[in-house]
Amino acid sequence: MISAMRFNIRDLLWLTLVVGLVTAAWLERRASPPVRFTGQPLDVAIAGEGFFVVTDPATSASLFTRLGSLTTDSASRLILSVNNTEFLINPAIQISPDATAISISPTGRVAVQVPDKSDLVAVGQLQLAKFDKPNKLKQVVPALYTDTPESGLALLCLPGHDGVATVIQGALAKRY
């Protein structure tokens, strides 16, 4: 004998809530790869959608990456080094050579501690680019992409604004 299953409105609301939470958790895991904490002050992971903007030294074109293992060049500018090529972070950010500490906020504000100053000194602002169809970007070298007509043009945003991710200092994405 088959008994009829009856749901009341409360059961349906609970079921809807559970399905919604499971779906949201699944989408969040898909959108944001897990991060690996390194403790390095210039390692920066993107928590959500968005790409760092770097400048191609050969063409001066903007390229896009989720790779956040940053360092500084001989002029103390923030760069990404890929395959022995230095890509300048755009907009350019210069880190004082005498900085004793570096802070990168979740909204991308870069500040340094310098001798003889008790407060952090702001030195720049990381920006993130977002695209209508980021899966349509064209890879030009490992971890670096250029926009295409299919991806749409880059919309530059501050981290944590306009649906763009925040950044996590001292961490790297496990994949990019």
Protein backbone atom coordinates (compact mmCIF):
# COMPACT_ATOMS: atom_id res chain seq x y z
CA MET A 1 0.00 0.00 0.00
CA ILE A 2 1.39 3.39 -0.99
CA SER A 3 0.72 6.23 1.38
CA ALA A 4 0.29 9.70 0.03
CA MET A 5 3.01 12.19 0.95
CA ARG A 6 1.55 15.41 2.21
CA PHE A 7 3.50 18.59 2.64
CA ASN A 8 2.27 21.59 4.49
CA ILE A 9 3.50 25.10 3.75
CA ARG A 10 6.01 24.96 6.60
CA ASP A 11 7.60 21.78 5.18
CA LEU A 12 7.83 23.41 1.75
CA LEU A 13 9.49 26.52 3.19
CA TRP A 14 12.07 24.42 5.02
CA LEU A 15 12.75 22.37 1.90
CA THR A 16 13.13 25.55 -0.16
CA LEU A 17 15.51 27.01 2.42
CA VAL A 18 17.68 23.87 2.53
CA VAL A 19 17.84 23.60 -1.27
CA GLY A 20 18.69 27.31 -1.49
CA LEU A 21 21.50 27.05 1.07
CA VAL A 22 23.01 23.99 -0.57
CA THR A 23 22.86 25.66 -4.00
CA ALA A 24 24.43 28.87 -2.65
CA ALA A 25 27.25 26.91 -1.01
CA TRP A 26 27.89 24.99 -4.23
CA LEU A 27 27.94 28.19 -6.32
CA GLU A 28 30.27 29.91 -3.84
CA ARG A 29 32.73 27.00 -4.00
CA ARG A 30 32.60 27.06 -7.82
CA ALA A 31 33.09 30.85 -8.04
CA SER A 32 35.89 31.12 -5.49
CA PRO A 33 38.68 28.62 -5.59
CA PRO A 34 40.08 27.71 -2.19
CA VAL A 35 43.05 29.73 -1.03
CA ARG A 36 46.36 28.66 0.44
CA PHE A 37 47.67 30.94 3.16
CA THR A 38 51.35 31.75 2.68
CA GLY A 39 51.87 34.54 5.20
CA GLN A 40 53.84 36.47 2.58
CA PRO A 41 52.75 40.14 2.64
CA LEU A 42 52.77 40.52 -1.16
CA ASP A 43 50.80 37.35 -1.89
CA VAL A 44 47.22 38.35 -2.66
CA ALA A 45 44.33 36.00 -3.47
CA ILE A 46 41.09 37.09 -5.11
CA ALA A 47 38.06 35.89 -3.12
CA GLY A 48 35.35 35.78 -5.79
CA GLU A 49 35.09 37.22 -9.30
CA GLY A 50 37.68 39.51 -10.82
CA PHE A 51 41.19 39.73 -12.23
CA PHE A 52 44.25 41.79 -11.38
CA VAL A 53 45.30 44.14 -14.18
CA VAL A 54 48.94 44.12 -15.29
CA THR A 55 50.77 45.87 -18.11
CA ASP A 56 52.55 43.86 -20.80
CA PRO A 57 56.10 45.28 -20.92
CA ALA A 58 56.45 44.48 -24.64
CA THR A 59 53.20 46.03 -25.90
CA SER A 60 51.97 48.20 -22.98
CA ALA A 61 48.62 46.41 -23.34
CA SER A 62 46.56 45.47 -20.30
CA LEU A 63 46.56 41.80 -19.38
CA PHE A 64 44.49 40.09 -16.71
CA THR A 65 45.38 37.47 -14.13
CA ARG A 66 44.18 35.83 -10.95
CA LEU A 67 47.76 34.98 -9.99
CA GLY A 68 48.64 37.09 -6.98
CA SER A 69 52.25 36.25 -6.13
CA LEU A 70 53.41 39.86 -6.29
CA THR A 71 56.86 41.27 -5.67
CA THR A 72 58.71 44.53 -6.35
CA ASP A 73 61.06 45.45 -9.18
CA SER A 74 64.32 47.41 -9.00
CA ALA A 75 62.32 50.67 -8.86
CA SER A 76 60.25 49.34 -5.89
CA ARG A 77 57.09 49.09 -8.04
CA LEU A 78 54.61 46.29 -7.43
CA ILE A 79 54.92 43.64 -10.15
CA LEU A 80 53.92 40.12 -11.11
CA SER A 81 56.79 38.02 -12.44
CA VAL A 82 55.79 35.25 -14.87
CA ASN A 83 58.34 33.21 -16.85
CA ASN A 84 61.10 35.72 -15.97
CA THR A 85 59.04 38.63 -17.35
CA GLU A 86 57.98 41.46 -15.05
CA PHE A 87 54.41 42.71 -15.48
CA LEU A 88 53.72 46.01 -13.73
CA ILE A 89 50.55 46.12 -11.62
CA ASN A 90 48.10 48.62 -13.10
CA PRO A 91 47.58 51.21 -11.71
CA ALA A 92 51.22 51.40 -10.65
CA ILE A 93 51.95 51.12 -6.94
CA GLN A 94 55.36 51.94 -5.49
CA ILE A 95 56.43 50.41 -2.19
CA SER A 96 58.94 52.48 -0.23
CA PRO A 97 62.25 50.59 -0.02
CA ASP A 98 62.45 51.42 3.69
CA ALA A 99 58.97 50.02 4.44
CA THR A 100 59.00 47.79 7.50
CA ALA A 101 55.49 46.37 6.93
CA ILE A 102 52.95 46.18 4.10
CA SER A 103 49.19 46.05 4.54
CA ILE A 104 46.70 45.21 1.79
CA SER A 105 43.09 45.58 2.88
CA PRO A 106 40.23 43.42 1.54
CA THR A 107 39.22 46.45 -0.56
CA GLY A 108 42.68 46.62 -2.14
CA ARG A 109 44.10 49.60 -0.27
CA VAL A 110 47.88 49.21 -0.07
CA ALA A 111 49.63 50.89 2.86
CA VAL A 112 53.09 50.65 4.35
CA GLN A 113 54.70 51.23 7.71
CA VAL A 114 57.81 53.39 7.42
CA PRO A 115 60.33 54.34 10.07
CA ASP A 116 59.55 57.46 12.11
CA LYS A 117 55.80 57.26 11.33
CA SER A 118 53.33 55.70 13.72
CA ASP A 119 50.49 55.42 11.19
CA LEU A 120 50.38 53.40 8.00
CA VAL A 121 50.98 55.45 4.85
CA ALA A 122 48.70 54.72 1.86
CA VAL A 123 50.72 54.09 -1.30
CA GLY A 124 48.14 52.78 -3.75
CA GLN A 125 44.93 50.99 -4.58
CA LEU A 126 44.60 47.61 -6.27
CA GLN A 127 41.88 47.40 -8.88
CA LEU A 128 40.14 44.35 -10.24
CA ALA A 129 38.68 43.87 -13.70
CA LYS A 130 35.46 42.03 -14.32
CA PHE A 131 34.06 40.75 -17.59
CA ASP A 132 30.65 39.79 -18.94
CA LYS A 133 32.06 36.40 -19.98
CA PRO A 134 35.39 35.79 -18.22
CA ASN A 135 35.52 32.24 -19.62
CA LYS A 136 35.98 33.82 -23.07
CA LEU A 137 39.27 35.56 -22.20
CA LYS A 138 42.23 34.42 -24.32
CA GLN A 139 45.28 33.01 -22.54
CA VAL A 140 48.47 34.64 -23.87
CA VAL A 141 50.96 33.04 -21.46
CA PRO A 142 50.33 30.81 -18.45
CA ALA A 143 48.04 32.64 -16.00
CA LEU A 144 47.80 35.80 -18.14
CA TYR A 145 44.83 36.63 -20.34
CA THR A 146 43.70 39.26 -22.79
CA ASP A 147 40.15 40.35 -23.45
CA THR A 148 38.29 39.25 -26.58
CA PRO A 149 35.14 40.46 -28.32
CA GLU A 150 33.38 37.47 -26.72
CA SER A 151 34.58 38.25 -23.17
CA GLY A 152 33.61 41.89 -23.44
CA LEU A 153 35.73 44.81 -22.31
CA ALA A 154 37.17 44.98 -18.81
CA LEU A 155 35.20 46.95 -16.27
CA LEU A 156 37.65 48.23 -13.66
CA CYS A 157 36.35 48.21 -10.10
CA LEU A 158 37.62 48.51 -6.57
CA PRO A 159 37.69 45.19 -4.74
CA GLY A 160 34.52 44.68 -2.73
CA HIS A 161 32.43 47.01 -4.93
CA ASP A 162 30.15 46.49 -7.96
CA GLY A 163 29.93 42.73 -7.56
CA VAL A 164 33.69 42.27 -7.59
CA ALA A 165 35.60 40.11 -5.13
CA THR A 166 37.65 41.21 -2.19
CA VAL A 167 41.34 40.39 -1.84
CA ILE A 168 43.07 38.36 0.85
CA GLN A 169 46.60 39.38 1.82
CA GLY A 170 49.05 36.60 2.60
CA ALA A 171 47.26 34.01 0.48
CA LEU A 172 47.24 32.60 -3.04
CA ALA A 173 44.46 30.89 -4.96
CA LYS A 174 45.10 27.17 -5.26
CA ARG A 175 44.29 27.47 -8.97
CA TYR A 176 43.99 30.39 -11.33
